[in-house]
C-alpha atoms as a PDB file:
ATOM      1  CA  MET A   1       4.440-188.619 220.094  1.00  0.00           C
ATOM      2  CA  ASN A   2       1.028-186.964 219.714  1.00  0.00           C
ATOM      3  CA  ARG A   3      -0.757-186.633 216.374  1.00  0.00           C
ATOM      4  CA  LEU A   4       0.159-182.993 215.771  1.00  0.00           C
ATOM      5  CA  ALA A   5       3.833-183.633 216.503  1.00  0.00           C
ATOM      6  CA  LEU A   6       3.824-186.620 214.179  1.00  0.00           C
ATOM      7  CA  VAL A   7       2.273-184.610 211.353  1.00  0.00           C
ATOM      8  CA  LEU A   8       4.773-181.770 211.844  1.00  0.00           C
ATOM      9  CA  ALA A   9       7.626-184.273 211.848  1.00  0.00           C
ATOM     10  CA  VAL A  10       6.456-185.659 208.511  1.00  0.00           C
ATOM     11  CA  ILE A  11       6.303-182.165 207.008  1.00  0.00           C
ATOM     12  CA  ALA A  12       9.682-181.202 208.448  1.00  0.00           C
ATOM     13  CA  GLY A  13      11.235-184.370 207.124  1.00  0.00           C
ATOM     14  CA  ALA A  14       9.862-183.774 203.666  1.00  0.00           C
ATOM     15  CA  LEU A  15      11.083-180.168 203.546  1.00  0.00           C
ATOM     16  CA  ALA A  16      14.458-181.048 205.019  1.00  0.00           C
ATOM     17  CA  GLY A  17      14.902-183.812 202.507  1.00  0.00           C
ATOM     18  CA  ALA A  18      14.022-181.548 199.636  1.00  0.00           C
ATOM     19  CA  LEU A  19      16.311-178.771 200.844  1.00  0.00           C
ATOM     20  CA  GLY A  20      19.139-181.189 201.592  1.00  0.00           C
ATOM     21  CA  TYR A  21      18.870-182.696 198.135  1.00  0.00           C
ATOM     22  CA  ALA A  22      18.967-179.293 196.515  1.00  0.00           C
ATOM     23  CA  THR A  23      21.988-178.300 198.605  1.00  0.00           C
ATOM     24  CA  LEU A  24      23.928-181.448 197.815  1.00  0.00           C
ATOM     25  CA  ASN A  25      23.087-181.436 194.106  1.00  0.00           C
ATOM     26  CA  ARG A  26      23.322-177.724 193.291  1.00  0.00           C
ATOM     27  CA  PRO A  27      25.688-177.253 190.231  1.00  0.00           C
ATOM     28  CA  GLN A  28      28.934-175.465 191.091  1.00  0.00           C
ATOM     29  CA  PRO A  29      30.074-172.477 188.991  1.00  0.00           C
ATOM     30  CA  GLN A  30      32.823-173.551 186.578  1.00  0.00           C
ATOM     31  CA  THR A  31      35.984-171.398 186.338  1.00  0.00           C
ATOM     32  CA  ASP A  32      39.405-172.254 184.921  1.00  0.00           C
ATOM     33  CA  GLU A  33      40.791-172.597 188.475  1.00  0.00           C
ATOM     34  CA  VAL A  34      37.975-174.900 189.477  1.00  0.00           C
ATOM     35  CA  ALA A  35      38.400-176.986 186.342  1.00  0.00           C
ATOM     36  CA  VAL A  36      42.144-177.464 186.910  1.00  0.00           C
ATOM     37  CA  ARG A  37      41.585-178.360 190.559  1.00  0.00           C
ATOM     38  CA  ALA A  38      38.909-180.866 189.530  1.00  0.00           C
ATOM     39  CA  ILE A  39      41.319-182.648 187.167  1.00  0.00           C
ATOM     40  CA  VAL A  40      44.024-182.878 189.847  1.00  0.00           C
ATOM     41  CA  GLU A  41      41.561-184.103 192.465  1.00  0.00           C
ATOM     42  CA  ASP A  42      40.186-186.684 190.046  1.00  0.00           C
ATOM     43  CA  VAL A  43      43.649-188.156 189.419  1.00  0.00           C
ATOM     44  CA  LEU A  44      44.476-188.205 193.135  1.00  0.00           C
ATOM     45  CA  SER A  45      41.130-189.779 194.041  1.00  0.00           C
ATOM     46  CA  GLN A  46      41.555-192.557 191.504  1.00  0.00           C
ATOM     47  CA  LYS A  47      44.985-193.348 192.956  1.00  0.00           C
ATOM     48  CA  ALA A  48      43.679-193.282 196.509  1.00  0.00           C
ATOM     49  CA  ALA A  49      40.689-195.457 195.635  1.00  0.00           C
ATOM     50  CA  ALA A  50      43.011-198.268 194.717  1.00  0.00           C
ATOM     51  CA  GLU A  51      44.535-198.233 198.191  1.00  0.00           C
ATOM     52  CA  ILE A  52      41.803-197.318 200.683  1.00  0.00           C
ATOM     53  CA  GLU A  53      38.048-197.083 200.807  1.00  0.00           C
ATOM     54  CA  GLN A  54      36.768-193.519 200.819  1.00  0.00           C
ATOM     55  CA  PRO A  55      34.484-192.573 203.741  1.00  0.00           C
ATOM     56  CA  ALA A  56      30.871-191.756 202.898  1.00  0.00           C
ATOM     57  CA  GLN A  57      29.997-188.078 202.480  1.00  0.00           C
ATOM     58  CA  ASP A  58      28.166-186.522 205.421  1.00  0.00           C
ATOM     59  CA  VAL A  59      24.572-185.484 204.841  1.00  0.00           C
ATOM     60  CA  ALA A  60      24.201-181.700 204.721  1.00  0.00           C
ATOM     61  CA  GLN A  61      22.902-180.194 207.948  1.00  0.00           C
ATOM     62  CA  ILE A  62      19.883-177.927 207.521  1.00  0.00           C
ATOM     63  CA  ASP A  63      19.983-174.702 209.499  1.00  0.00           C
ATOM     64  CA  PRO A  64      16.842-174.492 211.711  1.00  0.00           C
ATOM     65  CA  ASP A  65      16.758-170.754 211.032  1.00  0.00           C
ATOM     66  CA  VAL A  66      16.211-171.642 207.388  1.00  0.00           C
ATOM     67  CA  LEU A  67      13.984-174.676 207.817  1.00  0.00           C
ATOM     68  CA  ASN A  68      11.553-173.398 210.454  1.00  0.00           C
ATOM     69  CA  PRO A  69      10.324-170.363 208.472  1.00  0.00           C
ATOM     70  CA  MET A  70       9.856-172.643 205.461  1.00  0.00           C
ATOM     71  CA  ILE A  71       7.678-174.991 207.513  1.00  0.00           C
ATOM     72  CA  GLU A  72       5.654-172.090 208.886  1.00  0.00           C
ATOM     73  CA  GLN A  73       5.167-170.577 205.444  1.00  0.00           C
ATOM     74  CA  PHE A  74       4.155-173.972 204.045  1.00  0.00           C
ATOM     75  CA  LEU A  75       1.563-174.530 206.764  1.00  0.00           C
ATOM     76  CA  MET A  76       0.161-171.018 206.657  1.00  0.00           C
ATOM     77  CA  SER A  77      -0.377-171.305 202.919  1.00  0.00           C
ATOM     78  CA  ASP A  78      -2.990-173.987 203.626  1.00  0.00           C
ATOM     79  CA  PRO A  79      -4.313-173.764 207.237  1.00  0.00           C
ATOM     80  CA  LYS A  80      -6.516-176.844 206.786  1.00  0.00           C
ATOM     81  CA  LEU A  81      -3.615-179.049 205.802  1.00  0.00           C
ATOM     82  CA  LEU A  82      -3.003-180.341 209.338  1.00  0.00           C
ATOM     83  CA  GLN A  83      -6.673-181.180 209.730  1.00  0.00           C
ATOM     84  CA  ARG A  84      -6.695-183.202 206.510  1.00  0.00           C
ATOM     85  CA  MET A  85      -3.456-184.933 207.449  1.00  0.00           C
ATOM     86  CA  SER A  86      -4.822-185.755 210.910  1.00  0.00           C
ATOM     87  CA  VAL A  87      -7.959-187.291 209.397  1.00  0.00           C
ATOM     88  CA  ALA A  88      -5.865-189.275 206.921  1.00  0.00           C
ATOM     89  CA  LEU A  89      -3.533-190.417 209.700  1.00  0.00           C
ATOM     90  CA  ASP A  90      -6.493-191.552 211.807  1.00  0.00           C
ATOM     91  CA  ALA A  91      -7.900-193.523 208.886  1.00  0.00           C
ATOM     92  CA  THR A  92      -4.534-195.156 208.212  1.00  0.00           C
ATOM     93  CA  LEU A  93      -3.962-196.112 211.843  1.00  0.00           C
ATOM     94  CA  GLN A  94      -7.494-197.487 212.184  1.00  0.00           C
ATOM     95  CA  ALA A  95      -7.067-199.553 209.036  1.00  0.00           C
ATOM     96  CA  GLU A  96      -3.778-200.947 210.327  1.00  0.00           C
ATOM     97  CA  GLU A  97      -5.295-201.782 213.727  1.00  0.00           C
ATOM     98  CA  SER A  98      -8.305-203.402 212.070  1.00  0.00           C
ATOM     99  CA  ALA A  99      -6.084-205.527 209.848  1.00  0.00           C
ATOM    100  CA  LYS A 100      -3.963-206.662 212.810  1.00  0.00           C
ATOM    101  CA  ALA A 101      -7.081-207.435 214.857  1.00  0.00           C
ATOM    102  CA  LYS A 102      -8.585-209.529 212.064  1.00  0.00           C
ATOM    103  CA  THR A 103      -5.394-211.546 211.722  1.00  0.00           C
ATOM    104  CA  ALA A 104      -5.100-212.109 215.477  1.00  0.00           C
ATOM    105  CA  LEU A 105      -8.768-213.057 215.798  1.00  0.00           C
ATOM    106  CA  ALA A 106      -8.436-215.557 212.979  1.00  0.00           C
ATOM    107  CA  ASP A 107      -5.360-217.124 214.592  1.00  0.00           C
ATOM    108  CA  MET A 108      -7.129-217.452 217.965  1.00  0.00           C
ATOM    109  CA  HIS A 109     -10.547-218.477 216.629  1.00  0.00           C
ATOM    110  CA  GLU A 110     -10.662-221.907 218.243  1.00  0.00           C
ATOM    111  CA  GLN A 111      -9.591-220.669 221.670  1.00  0.00           C
ATOM    112  CA  ILE A 112     -12.065-217.777 221.564  1.00  0.00           C
ATOM    113  CA  TYR A 113     -15.165-219.592 220.378  1.00  0.00           C
ATOM    114  CA  ASN A 114     -14.684-223.314 221.000  1.00  0.00           C
ATOM    115  CA  ASP A 115     -12.848-223.621 224.309  1.00  0.00           C
ATOM    116  CA  PRO A 116     -14.641-226.403 226.236  1.00  0.00           C
ATOM    117  CA  GLY A 117     -14.207-224.660 229.603  1.00  0.00           C
ATOM    118  CA  GLN A 118     -15.751-221.318 228.698  1.00  0.00           C
ATOM    119  CA  VAL A 119     -19.100-219.978 229.894  1.00  0.00           C
ATOM    120  CA  VAL A 120     -21.833-219.962 227.245  1.00  0.00           C
ATOM    121  CA  LEU A 121     -25.086-218.074 227.821  1.00  0.00           C
ATOM    122  CA  GLY A 122     -28.082-217.257 225.673  1.00  0.00           C
ATOM    123  CA  ASN A 123     -28.656-219.261 222.508  1.00  0.00           C
ATOM    124  CA  PRO A 124     -25.748-221.687 221.952  1.00  0.00           C
ATOM    125  CA  ASP A 125     -26.719-221.784 218.259  1.00  0.00           C
ATOM    126  CA  GLY A 126     -27.227-218.036 217.941  1.00  0.00           C
ATOM    127  CA  ASP A 127     -26.473-216.252 214.671  1.00  0.00           C
ATOM    128  CA  VAL A 128     -24.258-213.645 216.393  1.00  0.00           C
ATOM    129  CA  THR A 129     -21.745-214.255 219.185  1.00  0.00           C
ATOM    130  CA  LEU A 130     -20.768-211.663 221.786  1.00  0.00           C
ATOM    131  CA  VAL A 131     -17.624-212.392 223.817  1.00  0.00           C
ATOM    132  CA  GLU A 132     -16.822-210.525 227.036  1.00  0.00           C
ATOM    133  CA  PHE A 133     -13.588-210.545 229.032  1.00  0.00           C
ATOM    134  CA  PHE A 134     -14.323-209.473 232.609  1.00  0.00           C
ATOM    135  CA  ASP A 135     -12.963-209.229 236.142  1.00  0.00           C
ATOM    136  CA  TYR A 136     -15.288-209.598 239.137  1.00  0.00           C
ATOM    137  CA  ASN A 137     -13.694-206.567 240.799  1.00  0.00           C
ATOM    138  CA  CYS A 138     -13.989-204.349 237.737  1.00  0.00           C
ATOM    139  CA  GLY A 139     -16.311-201.420 238.438  1.00  0.00           C
ATOM    140  CA  TYR A 140     -17.018-200.882 234.744  1.00  0.00           C
ATOM    141  CA  CYS A 141     -17.931-204.557 234.361  1.00  0.00           C
ATOM    142  CA  ARG A 142     -20.327-204.199 237.279  1.00  0.00           C
ATOM    143  CA  ALA A 143     -21.921-201.126 235.682  1.00  0.00           C
ATOM    144  CA  ALA A 144     -22.199-202.974 232.349  1.00  0.00           C
ATOM    145  CA  LEU A 145     -23.964-206.020 233.838  1.00  0.00           C
ATOM    146  CA  PRO A 146     -27.467-204.618 233.086  1.00  0.00           C
ATOM    147  CA  ASP A 147     -26.422-204.227 229.434  1.00  0.00           C
ATOM    148  CA  MET A 148     -25.661-207.936 229.195  1.00  0.00           C
ATOM    149  CA  ALA A 149     -28.864-208.817 231.055  1.00  0.00           C
ATOM    150  CA  THR A 150     -30.884-206.741 228.595  1.00  0.00           C
ATOM    151  CA  LEU A 151     -29.267-208.364 225.566  1.00  0.00           C
ATOM    152  CA  LEU A 152     -29.863-211.870 226.928  1.00  0.00           C
ATOM    153  CA  ALA A 153     -33.494-211.065 227.725  1.00  0.00           C
ATOM    154  CA  GLU A 154     -34.341-209.308 224.449  1.00  0.00           C
ATOM    155  CA  ASP A 155     -32.296-211.165 221.826  1.00  0.00           C
ATOM    156  CA  PRO A 156     -33.194-214.860 221.505  1.00  0.00           C
ATOM    157  CA  ASN A 157     -30.647-215.377 218.711  1.00  0.00           C
ATOM    158  CA  LEU A 158     -27.627-214.046 220.597  1.00  0.00           C
ATOM    159  CA  LYS A 159     -24.884-216.332 221.872  1.00  0.00           C
ATOM    160  CA  VAL A 160     -22.782-214.933 224.732  1.00  0.00           C
ATOM    161  CA  ILE A 161     -19.360-216.254 225.770  1.00  0.00           C
ATOM    162  CA  LEU A 162     -17.889-215.051 229.052  1.00  0.00           C
ATOM    163  CA  LYS A 163     -14.129-215.208 229.610  1.00  0.00           C
ATOM    164  CA  GLU A 164     -12.783-215.143 233.163  1.00  0.00           C
ATOM    165  CA  PHE A 165     -10.007-212.528 232.975  1.00  0.00           C
ATOM    166  CA  PRO A 166      -8.899-211.726 236.555  1.00  0.00           C
ATOM    167  CA  ILE A 167      -6.280-208.984 236.268  1.00  0.00           C
ATOM    168  CA  LEU A 168      -7.042-206.575 239.107  1.00  0.00           C
ATOM    169  CA  SER A 169      -6.108-208.508 242.241  1.00  0.00           C
ATOM    170  CA  ASN A 170      -5.423-211.871 243.845  1.00  0.00           C
ATOM    171  CA  GLU A 171      -8.991-211.764 245.146  1.00  0.00           C
ATOM    172  CA  SER A 172     -10.171-211.586 241.546  1.00  0.00           C
ATOM    173  CA  ILE A 173      -8.140-214.705 240.746  1.00  0.00           C
ATOM    174  CA  ASP A 174      -9.689-216.602 243.657  1.00  0.00           C
ATOM    175  CA  ALA A 175     -13.189-215.577 242.589  1.00  0.00           C
ATOM    176  CA  ALA A 176     -12.446-216.643 239.014  1.00  0.00           C
ATOM    177  CA  ARG A 177     -11.226-220.048 240.207  1.00  0.00           C
ATOM    178  CA  VAL A 178     -14.506-220.619 242.031  1.00  0.00           C
ATOM    179  CA  ALA A 179     -16.403-219.400 238.964  1.00  0.00           C
ATOM    180  CA  VAL A 180     -14.668-221.976 236.754  1.00  0.00           C
ATOM    181  CA  LEU A 181     -15.800-224.735 239.113  1.00  0.00           C
ATOM    182  CA  VAL A 182     -19.348-223.343 239.221  1.00  0.00           C
ATOM    183  CA  ASN A 183     -19.514-223.437 235.446  1.00  0.00           C
ATOM    184  CA  ASP A 184     -18.205-227.019 235.388  1.00  0.00           C
ATOM    185  CA  ALA A 185     -20.855-228.045 237.940  1.00  0.00           C
ATOM    186  CA  GLY A 186     -23.621-227.302 235.438  1.00  0.00           C
ATOM    187  CA  VAL A 187     -25.630-225.035 237.730  1.00  0.00           C
ATOM    188  CA  ASP A 188     -27.075-221.622 236.850  1.00  0.00           C
ATOM    189  CA  TYR A 189     -23.933-219.669 236.141  1.00  0.00           C
ATOM    190  CA  TRP A 190     -25.770-216.434 235.331  1.00  0.00           C
ATOM    191  CA  ASN A 191     -27.324-216.474 238.795  1.00  0.00           C
ATOM    192  CA  PHE A 192     -23.843-216.831 240.297  1.00  0.00           C
ATOM    193  CA  HIS A 193     -22.507-214.111 237.976  1.00  0.00           C
ATOM    194  CA  GLU A 194     -25.206-211.640 238.962  1.00  0.00           C
ATOM    195  CA  ALA A 195     -24.769-212.439 242.658  1.00  0.00           C
ATOM    196  CA  LEU A 196     -21.059-211.570 242.612  1.00  0.00           C
ATOM    197  CA  PHE A 197     -21.534-208.349 240.674  1.00  0.00           C
ATOM    198  CA  SER A 198     -24.374-207.372 242.998  1.00  0.00           C
ATOM    199  CA  SER A 199     -22.409-208.029 246.196  1.00  0.00           C
ATOM    200  CA  ARG A 200     -20.900-205.256 248.296  1.00  0.00           C
ATOM    201  CA  GLY A 201     -17.198-204.694 248.745  1.00  0.00           C
ATOM    202  CA  LYS A 202     -14.359-206.553 247.092  1.00  0.00           C
ATOM    203  CA  VAL A 203     -15.274-209.850 245.459  1.00  0.00           C
ATOM    204  CA  ASP A 204     -12.985-212.506 246.900  1.00  0.00           C
ATOM    205  CA  LYS A 205     -12.941-216.232 247.614  1.00  0.00           C
ATOM    206  CA  SER A 206     -15.421-215.934 250.478  1.00  0.00           C
ATOM    207  CA  ALA A 207     -17.941-214.020 248.380  1.00  0.00           C
ATOM    208  CA  ALA A 208     -17.607-216.491 245.518  1.00  0.00           C
ATOM    209  CA  LEU A 209     -17.966-219.529 247.772  1.00  0.00           C
ATOM    210  CA  ALA A 210     -21.037-217.999 249.421  1.00  0.00           C
ATOM    211  CA  ALA A 211     -22.682-217.380 246.020  1.00  0.00           C
ATOM    212  CA  ALA A 212     -21.873-220.941 244.946  1.00  0.00           C
ATOM    213  CA  SER A 213     -23.306-222.282 248.206  1.00  0.00           C
ATOM    214  CA  ASP A 214     -26.591-220.515 247.436  1.00  0.00           C
ATOM    215  CA  LEU A 215     -26.764-222.640 244.286  1.00  0.00           C
ATOM    216  CA  GLY A 216     -26.412-225.861 246.299  1.00  0.00           C
ATOM    217  CA  LEU A 217     -22.671-226.431 245.833  1.00  0.00           C
ATOM    218  CA  SER A 218     -20.369-227.407 248.700  1.00  0.00           C
ATOM    219  CA  PRO A 219     -18.000-224.547 249.662  1.00  0.00           C
ATOM    220  CA  VAL A 220     -15.612-227.040 251.271  1.00  0.00           C
ATOM    221  CA  GLN A 221     -15.415-229.172 248.138  1.00  0.00           C
ATOM    222  CA  LEU A 222     -14.987-226.122 245.907  1.00  0.00           C
ATOM    223  CA  GLU A 223     -12.153-224.794 248.035  1.00  0.00           C
ATOM    224  CA  LEU A 224     -10.378-228.137 247.795  1.00  0.00           C
ATOM    225  CA  GLN A 225     -10.692-228.083 243.995  1.00  0.00           C
ATOM    226  CA  MET A 226      -9.619-224.453 243.445  1.00  0.00           C
ATOM    227  CA  GLY A 227      -5.958-225.390 243.016  1.00  0.00           C
ATOM    228  CA  GLU A 228      -6.538-228.065 240.375  1.00  0.00           C
ATOM    229  CA  GLU A 229      -4.653-227.784 237.092  1.00  0.00           C
ATOM    230  CA  LYS A 230      -7.800-227.688 234.970  1.00  0.00           C
ATOM    231  CA  VAL A 231      -8.973-224.607 236.857  1.00  0.00           C
ATOM    232  CA  ALA A 232      -5.671-222.799 236.347  1.00  0.00           C
ATOM    233  CA  GLN A 233      -5.659-223.804 232.682  1.00  0.00           C
ATOM    234  CA  ALA A 234      -9.137-222.377 232.095  1.00  0.00           C
ATOM    235  CA  ILE A 235      -7.996-218.974 233.337  1.00  0.00           C
ATOM    236  CA  GLN A 236      -4.641-219.218 231.551  1.00  0.00           C
ATOM    237  CA  THR A 237      -6.501-219.666 228.265  1.00  0.00           C
ATOM    238  CA  SER A 238      -8.082-216.252 228.749  1.00  0.00           C
ATOM    239  CA  TYR A 239      -4.674-214.715 229.473  1.00  0.00           C
ATOM    240  CA  THR A 240      -3.247-216.301 226.322  1.00  0.00           C
ATOM    241  CA  ILE A 241      -6.059-214.994 224.140  1.00  0.00           C
ATOM    242  CA  ALA A 242      -5.821-211.538 225.695  1.00  0.00           C
ATOM    243  CA  GLN A 243      -2.081-211.346 225.100  1.00  0.00           C
ATOM    244  CA  ALA A 244      -2.471-212.373 221.459  1.00  0.00           C
ATOM    245  CA  LEU A 245      -5.206-209.783 220.899  1.00  0.00           C
ATOM    246  CA  GLY A 246      -3.637-206.978 222.903  1.00  0.00           C
ATOM    247  CA  ILE A 247      -6.457-206.936 225.468  1.00  0.00           C
ATOM    248  CA  THR A 248      -5.312-205.201 228.650  1.00  0.00           C
ATOM    249  CA  GLY A 249      -8.502-204.058 230.391  1.00  0.00           C
ATOM    250  CA  THR A 250     -12.022-205.042 231.331  1.00  0.00           C
ATOM    251  CA  PRO A 251     -14.624-205.188 230.095  1.00  0.00           C
ATOM    252  CA  THR A 252     -13.480-205.959 226.569  1.00  0.00           C
ATOM    253  CA  TYR A 253     -15.924-207.298 224.000  1.00  0.00           C
ATOM    254  CA  ILE A 254     -15.418-209.179 220.765  1.00  0.00           C
ATOM    255  CA  ILE A 255     -18.076-209.078 218.070  1.00  0.00           C
ATOM    256  CA  GLY A 256     -17.197-210.469 214.670  1.00  0.00           C
ATOM    257  CA  ASN A 257     -13.870-208.994 213.609  1.00  0.00           C
ATOM    258  CA  GLU A 258     -13.915-206.125 216.114  1.00  0.00           C
ATOM    259  CA  ILE A 259     -12.267-205.940 219.526  1.00  0.00           C
ATOM    260  CA  ILE A 260     -14.169-203.378 221.619  1.00  0.00           C
ATOM    261  CA  PRO A 261     -12.458-202.085 224.779  1.00  0.00           C
ATOM    262  CA  GLY A 262     -14.584-200.584 227.531  1.00  0.00           C
ATOM    263  CA  ALA A 263     -18.235-200.471 228.537  1.00  0.00           C
ATOM    264  CA  ILE A 264     -19.773-198.886 225.435  1.00  0.00           C
ATOM    265  CA  GLY A 265     -23.417-199.232 226.533  1.00  0.00           C
ATOM    266  CA  VAL A 266     -26.295-201.418 225.471  1.00  0.00           C
ATOM    267  CA  ASP A 267     -27.330-199.256 222.500  1.00  0.00           C
ATOM    268  CA  GLU A 268     -23.882-199.461 220.906  1.00  0.00           C
ATOM    269  CA  LEU A 269     -23.762-203.201 221.496  1.00  0.00           C
ATOM    270  CA  LYS A 270     -27.205-203.598 219.926  1.00  0.00           C
ATOM    271  CA  SER A 271     -26.114-201.539 216.934  1.00  0.00           C
ATOM    272  CA  ARG A 272     -23.040-203.670 216.311  1.00  0.00           C
ATOM    273  CA  ILE A 273     -25.018-206.889 216.699  1.00  0.00           C
ATOM    274  CA  ALA A 274     -27.641-205.616 214.230  1.00  0.00           C
ATOM    275  CA  ASN A 275     -24.894-204.692 211.765  1.00  0.00           C
ATOM    276  CA  MET A 276     -23.428-208.178 212.032  1.00  0.00           C
ATOM    277  CA  ARG A 277     -26.769-209.578 210.973  1.00  0.00           C
ATOM    278  CA  ALA A 278     -27.185-207.043 208.190  1.00  0.00           C
ATOM    279  CA  CYS A 279     -23.761-207.070 206.531  1.00  0.00           C
ATOM    280  CA  GLY A 280     -21.490-209.450 208.445  1.00  0.00           C
ATOM    281  CA  GLU A 281     -19.462-206.567 209.963  1.00  0.00           C
ATOM    282  CA  THR A 282     -19.932-204.430 213.055  1.00  0.00           C
ATOM    283  CA  GLN A 283     -19.755-201.300 210.878  1.00  0.00           C
ATOM    284  CA  CYS A 284     -21.808-201.423 207.672  1.00  0.00           C
ATOM    285  CA  SER A 285     -20.699-199.095 204.871  1.00  0.00           C
END
């Protein structure tokens, strides 16, 4: 349901409830005939209540021909009402999402920041940590690579954690498996990372093994190790974190208590990092 429909539904529900209440609770005119009938019905109902349970009274049905003009009149009396309700709804939904994200991030803190198999770049003791979930065949990740390069070059106090999150193809999974082994080998992972994102065509096992070979690693040995349990577990950890946090696409960043989907650009990343240093949140009030 879109925002406008949701707002209208809230208004309709409120008016229908009010009208239904008035209909059900409107006093009936009292005449002698009505009074006598009420006494008889009261006696009969008491007798029946001792034998069977009375069914619940149906809720009054509101005639759309009555309700719709009321809604229209209500809205037209204050044309800016929907705008204010939309803004309030946005604020409420954002607050709810923020609260859920903070709880999920707290629950997954160890896996996000202290997993022994993850890639760590920049200053390992940096005062701000930027986490990125990526797929080697993600075009947006490729376009965002210069943003990460700029941050690493210009910010000596930034810690960067890269999470292998291959979700686009089997080729992505193969490349991620090689990447896990490259990271474990202790060679220049950033060089390998840049090489894959700078390559042409789909990034697959062959491309990953070629980039690893350029760093002095044995492609044959890497291919033999790709199926090891520790390699699968390293990637599974990223899947587990992503599922807990509701991450479904790449790139996705984490800074502080904010989960940031999509390539938002280097300026926005810099702004959020600066805010973390200034007030401990990505958005300073």
